[in-house]
Amino acid sequence: MGVVMLVLWIGGIILSATLIGALIGVPMLIAWIVLWIIDACTMPNRINELNGVVAVAPTRPM
Protein backbone atom coordinates (compact mmCIF):
# COMPACT_ATOMS: atom_id res chain seq x y z
CA MET A 1 0.00 0.00 0.00
CA GLY A 2 2.89 2.33 0.75
CA VAL A 3 4.30 1.90 -2.78
CA VAL A 4 0.93 2.73 -4.33
CA MET A 5 0.65 5.89 -2.24
CA LEU A 6 4.21 6.89 -3.18
CA VAL A 7 3.50 6.40 -6.90
CA LEU A 8 0.26 8.39 -6.65
CA TRP A 9 2.02 11.18 -4.72
CA ILE A 10 4.86 11.43 -7.26
CA GLY A 11 2.33 11.29 -10.10
CA GLY A 12 0.39 14.15 -8.52
CA ILE A 13 3.53 16.26 -8.28
CA ILE A 14 4.35 15.56 -11.94
CA LEU A 15 0.78 16.39 -13.00
CA SER A 16 0.82 19.62 -11.00
CA ALA A 17 4.13 20.68 -12.55
CA THR A 18 2.81 19.85 -16.02
CA LEU A 19 -0.37 21.88 -15.53
CA ILE A 20 1.54 24.85 -14.12
CA GLY A 21 3.96 24.66 -17.06
CA ALA A 22 1.06 24.55 -19.51
CA LEU A 23 -0.63 27.54 -17.87
CA ILE A 24 2.59 29.51 -18.27
CA GLY A 25 3.71 28.11 -21.61
CA VAL A 26 0.53 28.31 -23.69
CA PRO A 27 0.02 32.09 -23.31
CA MET A 28 3.72 32.62 -24.02
CA LEU A 29 3.42 30.52 -27.19
CA ILE A 30 0.36 32.50 -28.33
CA ALA A 31 2.18 35.79 -27.67
CA TRP A 32 5.22 34.52 -29.61
CA ILE A 33 3.03 33.57 -32.60
CA VAL A 34 1.29 36.97 -32.60
CA LEU A 35 4.62 38.81 -32.44
CA TRP A 36 6.04 36.61 -35.21
CA ILE A 37 3.06 37.41 -37.47
CA ILE A 38 3.41 41.14 -36.74
CA ASP A 39 7.12 40.92 -37.52
CA ALA A 40 6.48 39.03 -40.77
CA CYS A 41 3.86 41.55 -41.90
CA THR A 42 5.82 44.68 -41.03
CA MET A 43 9.28 43.56 -42.16
CA PRO A 44 8.99 41.00 -45.00
CA ASN A 45 12.72 41.17 -45.78
CA ARG A 46 13.46 39.90 -42.29
CA ILE A 47 12.00 36.50 -43.22
CA ASN A 48 14.57 36.24 -46.02
CA GLU A 49 17.31 37.17 -43.57
CA LEU A 50 16.17 34.42 -41.20
CA ASN A 51 16.21 31.92 -44.09
CA GLY A 52 19.71 32.99 -45.13
CA VAL A 53 18.62 34.67 -48.37
CA VAL A 54 20.50 37.87 -49.10
CA ALA A 55 18.98 40.56 -51.28
CA VAL A 56 21.35 41.50 -54.09
CA ALA A 57 20.97 44.71 -56.07
CA PRO A 58 20.30 44.01 -59.77
CA THR A 59 23.23 44.75 -62.05
CA ARG A 60 23.34 45.43 -65.77
CA PRO A 61 24.78 42.66 -67.93
CA MET A 62 28.13 43.43 -69.53
PDB file of N, CA and C in Angstrom:
ATOM      1  N   MET A   1       0.827  -1.200   0.000  1.00  0.00           N
ATOM      2  CA  MET A   1       0.000   0.000   0.000  1.00  0.00           C
ATOM      3  C   MET A   1       0.868   1.259   0.000  1.00  0.00           C
ATOM      4  N   GLY A   2       1.997   1.182   0.683  1.00  0.00           N
ATOM      5  CA  GLY A   2       2.891   2.330   0.746  1.00  0.00           C
ATOM      6  C   GLY A   2       3.459   2.688  -0.622  1.00  0.00           C
ATOM      7  N   VAL A   3       3.754   1.653  -1.441  1.00  0.00           N
ATOM      8  CA  VAL A   3       4.303   1.896  -2.779  1.00  0.00           C
ATOM      9  C   VAL A   3       3.255   2.570  -3.650  1.00  0.00           C
ATOM     10  N   VAL A   4       2.009   2.135  -3.544  1.00  0.00           N
ATOM     11  CA  VAL A   4       0.928   2.733  -4.332  1.00  0.00           C
ATOM     12  C   VAL A   4       0.766   4.202  -3.961  1.00  0.00           C
ATOM     13  N   MET A   5       0.793   4.502  -2.681  1.00  0.00           N
ATOM     14  CA  MET A   5       0.653   5.890  -2.243  1.00  0.00           C
ATOM     15  C   MET A   5       1.825   6.741  -2.738  1.00  0.00           C
ATOM     16  N   LEU A   6       3.033   6.172  -2.704  1.00  0.00           N
ATOM     17  CA  LEU A   6       4.212   6.892  -3.181  1.00  0.00           C
ATOM     18  C   LEU A   6       4.094   7.196  -4.672  1.00  0.00           C
ATOM     19  N   VAL A   7       3.668   6.208  -5.453  1.00  0.00           N
ATOM     20  CA  VAL A   7       3.505   6.404  -6.895  1.00  0.00           C
ATOM     21  C   VAL A   7       2.436   7.461  -7.175  1.00  0.00           C
ATOM     22  N   LEU A   8       1.316   7.396  -6.462  1.00  0.00           N
ATOM     23  CA  LEU A   8       0.261   8.390  -6.652  1.00  0.00           C
ATOM     24  C   LEU A   8       0.732   9.788  -6.250  1.00  0.00           C
ATOM     25  N   TRP A   9       1.518   9.883  -5.180  1.00  0.00           N
ATOM     26  CA  TRP A   9       2.023  11.177  -4.722  1.00  0.00           C
ATOM     27  C   TRP A   9       2.982  11.776  -5.749  1.00  0.00           C
ATOM     28  N   ILE A  10       3.909  10.956  -6.246  1.00  0.00           N
ATOM     29  CA  ILE A  10       4.859  11.434  -7.261  1.00  0.00           C
ATOM     30  C   ILE A  10       4.115  11.797  -8.544  1.00  0.00           C
ATOM     31  N   GLY A  11       3.130  10.982  -8.919  1.00  0.00           N
ATOM     32  CA  GLY A  11       2.326  11.294 -10.104  1.00  0.00           C
ATOM     33  C   GLY A  11       1.576  12.600  -9.955  1.00  0.00           C
ATOM     34  N   GLY A  12       1.078  12.882  -8.766  1.00  0.00           N
ATOM     35  CA  GLY A  12       0.386  14.145  -8.522  1.00  0.00           C
ATOM     36  C   GLY A  12       1.318  15.337  -8.646  1.00  0.00           C
ATOM     37  N   ILE A  13       2.543  15.183  -8.158  1.00  0.00           N
ATOM     38  CA  ILE A  13       3.527  16.265  -8.285  1.00  0.00           C
ATOM     39  C   ILE A  13       3.851  16.504  -9.756  1.00  0.00           C
ATOM     40  N   ILE A  14       4.048  15.431 -10.511  1.00  0.00           N
ATOM     41  CA  ILE A  14       4.350  15.563 -11.944  1.00  0.00           C
ATOM     42  C   ILE A  14       3.181  16.211 -12.676  1.00  0.00           C
ATOM     43  N   LEU A  15       1.958  15.799 -12.360  1.00  0.00           N
ATOM     44  CA  LEU A  15       0.777  16.386 -12.996  1.00  0.00           C
ATOM     45  C   LEU A  15       0.657  17.871 -12.659  1.00  0.00           C
ATOM     46  N   SER A  16       0.897  18.213 -11.400  1.00  0.00           N
ATOM     47  CA  SER A  16       0.818  19.624 -11.001  1.00  0.00           C
ATOM     48  C   SER A  16       1.853  20.459 -11.746  1.00  0.00           C
ATOM     49  N   ALA A  17       3.079  19.948 -11.842  1.00  0.00           N
ATOM     50  CA  ALA A  17       4.135  20.677 -12.549  1.00  0.00           C
ATOM     51  C   ALA A  17       3.785  20.828 -14.025  1.00  0.00           C
ATOM     52  N   THR A  18       3.200  19.788 -14.613  1.00  0.00           N
ATOM     53  CA  THR A  18       2.814  19.847 -16.023  1.00  0.00           C
ATOM     54  C   THR A  18       1.721  20.884 -16.246  1.00  0.00           C
ATOM     55  N   LEU A  19       0.716  20.908 -15.379  1.00  0.00           N
ATOM     56  CA  LEU A  19      -0.373  21.876 -15.525  1.00  0.00           C
ATOM     57  C   LEU A  19       0.118  23.307 -15.327  1.00  0.00           C
ATOM     58  N   ILE A  20       0.989  23.506 -14.348  1.00  0.00           N
ATOM     59  CA  ILE A  20       1.539  24.852 -14.124  1.00  0.00           C
ATOM     60  C   ILE A  20       2.370  25.276 -15.331  1.00  0.00           C
ATOM     61  N   GLY A  21       3.166  24.358 -15.865  1.00  0.00           N
ATOM     62  CA  GLY A  21       3.959  24.660 -17.058  1.00  0.00           C
ATOM     63  C   GLY A  21       3.091  24.987 -18.252  1.00  0.00           C
ATOM     64  N   ALA A  22       1.974  24.273 -18.397  1.00  0.00           N
ATOM     65  CA  ALA A  22       1.064  24.548 -19.511  1.00  0.00           C
ATOM     66  C   ALA A  22       0.390  25.907 -19.339  1.00  0.00           C
ATOM     67  N   LEU A  23       0.006  26.244 -18.111  1.00  0.00           N
ATOM     68  CA  LEU A  23      -0.632  27.543 -17.865  1.00  0.00           C
ATOM     69  C   LEU A  23       0.316  28.697 -18.169  1.00  0.00           C
ATOM     70  N   ILE A  24       1.605  28.473 -17.963  1.00  0.00           N
ATOM     71  CA  ILE A  24       2.587  29.513 -18.267  1.00  0.00           C
ATOM     72  C   ILE A  24       2.978  29.463 -19.742  1.00  0.00           C
ATOM     73  N   GLY A  25       3.169  28.271 -20.266  1.00  0.00           N
ATOM     74  CA  GLY A  25       3.713  28.112 -21.607  1.00  0.00           C
ATOM     75  C   GLY A  25       2.752  28.435 -22.732  1.00  0.00           C
ATOM     76  N   VAL A  26       1.489  28.090 -22.597  1.00  0.00           N
ATOM     77  CA  VAL A  26       0.534  28.309 -23.693  1.00  0.00           C
ATOM     78  C   VAL A  26       0.339  29.796 -23.983  1.00  0.00           C
ATOM     79  N   PRO A  27       0.119  30.655 -22.989  1.00  0.00           N
ATOM     80  CA  PRO A  27       0.019  32.090 -23.308  1.00  0.00           C
ATOM     81  C   PRO A  27       1.309  32.649 -23.907  1.00  0.00           C
ATOM     82  N   MET A  28       2.460  32.160 -23.449  1.00  0.00           N
ATOM     83  CA  MET A  28       3.724  32.616 -24.022  1.00  0.00           C
ATOM     84  C   MET A  28       3.833  32.197 -25.481  1.00  0.00           C
ATOM     85  N   LEU A  29       3.388  30.996 -25.803  1.00  0.00           N
ATOM     86  CA  LEU A  29       3.417  30.520 -27.186  1.00  0.00           C
ATOM     87  C   LEU A  29       2.493  31.358 -28.061  1.00  0.00           C
ATOM     88  N   ILE A  30       1.310  31.672 -27.562  1.00  0.00           N
ATOM     89  CA  ILE A  30       0.363  32.501 -28.326  1.00  0.00           C
ATOM     90  C   ILE A  30       0.953  33.890 -28.555  1.00  0.00           C
ATOM     91  N   ALA A  31       1.564  34.471 -27.525  1.00  0.00           N
ATOM     92  CA  ALA A  31       2.184  35.792 -27.674  1.00  0.00           C
ATOM     93  C   ALA A  31       3.320  35.738 -28.685  1.00  0.00           C
ATOM     94  N   TRP A  32       4.113  34.671 -28.662  1.00  0.00           N
ATOM     95  CA  TRP A  32       5.222  34.522 -29.606  1.00  0.00           C
ATOM     96  C   TRP A  32       4.702  34.439 -31.035  1.00  0.00           C
ATOM     97  N   ILE A  33       3.613  33.696 -31.258  1.00  0.00           N
ATOM     98  CA  ILE A  33       3.032  33.569 -32.602  1.00  0.00           C
ATOM     99  C   ILE A  33       2.513  34.917 -33.086  1.00  0.00           C
ATOM    100  N   VAL A  34       1.822  35.650 -32.216  1.00  0.00           N
ATOM    101  CA  VAL A  34       1.292  36.968 -32.596  1.00  0.00           C
ATOM    102  C   VAL A  34       2.433  37.913 -32.958  1.00  0.00           C
ATOM    103  N   LEU A  35       3.479  37.939 -32.149  1.00  0.00           N
ATOM    104  CA  LEU A  35       4.616  38.814 -32.438  1.00  0.00           C
ATOM    105  C   LEU A  35       5.317  38.399 -33.726  1.00  0.00           C
ATOM    106  N   TRP A  36       5.407  37.097 -33.985  1.00  0.00           N
ATOM    107  CA  TRP A  36       6.044  36.607 -35.209  1.00  0.00           C
ATOM    108  C   TRP A  36       5.244  37.043 -36.434  1.00  0.00           C
ATOM    109  N   ILE A  37       3.907  36.980 -36.347  1.00  0.00           N
ATOM    110  CA  ILE A  37       3.057  37.409 -37.466  1.00  0.00           C
ATOM    111  C   ILE A  37       3.201  38.912 -37.688  1.00  0.00           C
ATOM    112  N   ILE A  38       3.216  39.688 -36.611  1.00  0.00           N
ATOM    113  CA  ILE A  38       3.405  41.138 -36.744  1.00  0.00           C
ATOM    114  C   ILE A  38       4.756  41.428 -37.390  1.00  0.00           C
ATOM    115  N   ASP A  39       5.783  40.729 -36.967  1.00  0.00           N
ATOM    116  CA  ASP A  39       7.122  40.919 -37.521  1.00  0.00           C
ATOM    117  C   ASP A  39       7.144  40.560 -39.003  1.00  0.00           C
ATOM    118  N   ALA A  40       6.489  39.464 -39.373  1.00  0.00           N
ATOM    119  CA  ALA A  40       6.479  39.031 -40.771  1.00  0.00           C
ATOM    120  C   ALA A  40       5.711  40.008 -41.649  1.00  0.00           C
ATOM    121  N   CYS A  41       4.671  40.621 -41.112  1.00  0.00           N
ATOM    122  CA  CYS A  41       3.861  41.552 -41.904  1.00  0.00           C
ATOM    123  C   CYS A  41       4.518  42.922 -42.014  1.00  0.00           C
ATOM    124  N   THR A  42       5.238  43.339 -40.998  1.00  0.00           N
ATOM    125  CA  THR A  42       5.823  44.678 -41.027  1.00  0.00           C
ATOM    126  C   THR A  42       7.206  44.710 -41.655  1.00  0.00           C
ATOM    127  N   MET A  43       7.933  43.602 -41.578  1.00  0.00           N
ATOM    128  CA  MET A  43       9.281  43.555 -42.156  1.00  0.00           C
ATOM    129  C   MET A  43       9.445  42.281 -42.980  1.00  0.00           C
ATOM    130  N   PRO A  44       8.909  42.236 -44.217  1.00  0.00           N
ATOM    131  CA  PRO A  44       8.985  41.002 -44.997  1.00  0.00           C
ATOM    132  C   PRO A  44      10.415  40.585 -45.335  1.00  0.00           C
ATOM    133  N   ASN A  45      11.339  41.537 -45.460  1.00  0.00           N
ATOM    134  CA  ASN A  45      12.719  41.172 -45.781  1.00  0.00           C
ATOM    135  C   ASN A  45      13.389  40.417 -44.644  1.00  0.00           C
ATOM    136  N   ARG A  46      12.876  40.591 -43.436  1.00  0.00           N
ATOM    137  CA  ARG A  46      13.464  39.898 -42.289  1.00  0.00           C
ATOM    138  C   ARG A  46      13.291  38.387 -42.420  1.00  0.00           C
ATOM    139  N   ILE A  47      12.206  37.932 -43.028  1.00  0.00           N
ATOM    140  CA  ILE A  47      12.005  36.498 -43.221  1.00  0.00           C
ATOM    141  C   ILE A  47      13.111  35.943 -44.109  1.00  0.00           C
ATOM    142  N   ASN A  48      13.478  36.685 -45.163  1.00  0.00           N
ATOM    143  CA  ASN A  48      14.567  36.241 -46.023  1.00  0.00           C
ATOM    144  C   ASN A  48      15.882  36.199 -45.251  1.00  0.00           C
ATOM    145  N   GLU A  49      16.093  37.171 -44.371  1.00  0.00           N
ATOM    146  CA  GLU A  49      17.310  37.170 -43.567  1.00  0.00           C
ATOM    147  C   GLU A  49      17.354  35.940 -42.664  1.00  0.00           C
ATOM    148  N   LEU A  50      16.219  35.588 -42.082  1.00  0.00           N
ATOM    149  CA  LEU A  50      16.171  34.422 -41.204  1.00  0.00           C
ATOM    150  C   LEU A  50      16.416  33.142 -41.983  1.00  0.00           C
ATOM    151  N   ASN A  51      16.011  33.110 -43.263  1.00  0.00           N
ATOM    152  CA  ASN A  51      16.212  31.925 -44.090  1.00  0.00           C
ATOM    153  C   ASN A  51      17.589  31.901 -44.738  1.00  0.00           C
ATOM    154  N   GLY A  52      18.377  32.952 -44.552  1.00  0.00           N
ATOM    155  CA  GLY A  52      19.712  32.993 -45.129  1.00  0.00           C
ATOM    156  C   GLY A  52      19.752  33.521 -46.543  1.00  0.00           C
ATOM    157  N   VAL A  53      18.666  34.116 -47.019  1.00  0.00           N
ATOM    158  CA  VAL A  53      18.622  34.671 -48.370  1.00  0.00           C
ATOM    159  C   VAL A  53      19.045  36.128 -48.278  1.00  0.00           C
ATOM    160  N   VAL A  54      19.996  36.503 -49.118  1.00  0.00           N
ATOM    161  CA  VAL A  54      20.503  37.874 -49.096  1.00  0.00           C
ATOM    162  C   VAL A  54      20.009  38.591 -50.338  1.00  0.00           C
ATOM    163  N   ALA A  55      19.446  39.768 -50.149  1.00  0.00           N
ATOM    164  CA  ALA A  55      18.978  40.562 -51.280  1.00  0.00           C
ATOM    165  C   ALA A  55      20.187  41.170 -51.989  1.00  0.00           C
ATOM    166  N   VAL A  56      20.250  40.973 -53.302  1.00  0.00           N
ATOM    167  CA  VAL A  56      21.355  41.503 -54.095  1.00  0.00           C
ATOM    168  C   VAL A  56      20.777  42.519 -55.065  1.00  0.00           C
ATOM    169  N   ALA A  57      21.431  43.672 -55.155  1.00  0.00           N
ATOM    170  CA  ALA A  57      20.968  44.708 -56.074  1.00  0.00           C
ATOM    171  C   ALA A  57      21.158  44.227 -57.511  1.00  0.00           C
ATOM    172  N   PRO A  58      20.162  44.453 -58.372  1.00  0.00           N
ATOM    173  CA  PRO A  58      20.304  44.006 -59.766  1.00  0.00           C
ATOM    174  C   PRO A  58      21.403  44.790 -60.473  1.00  0.00           C
ATOM    175  N   THR A  59      22.151  44.104 -61.289  1.00  0.00           N
ATOM    176  CA  THR A  59      23.229  44.746 -62.050  1.00  0.00           C
ATOM    177  C   THR A  59      22.958  44.593 -63.530  1.00  0.00           C
ATOM    178  N   ARG A  60      23.516  45.507 -64.317  1.00  0.00           N
ATOM    179  CA  ARG A  60      23.343  45.431 -65.769  1.00  0.00           C
ATOM    180  C   ARG A  60      24.300  44.393 -66.338  1.00  0.00           C
ATOM    181  N   PRO A  61      23.846  43.621 -67.316  1.00  0.00           N
ATOM    182  CA  PRO A  61      24.776  42.656 -67.931  1.00  0.00           C
ATOM    183  C   PRO A  61      25.846  43.382 -68.731  1.00  0.00           C
ATOM    184  N   MET A  62      27.026  42.806 -68.798  1.00  0.00           N
ATOM    185  CA  MET A  62      28.129  43.429 -69.533  1.00  0.00           C
ATOM    186  C   MET A  62      28.021  43.141 -71.012  1.00  0.00           C
TER     187      MET A  62
END
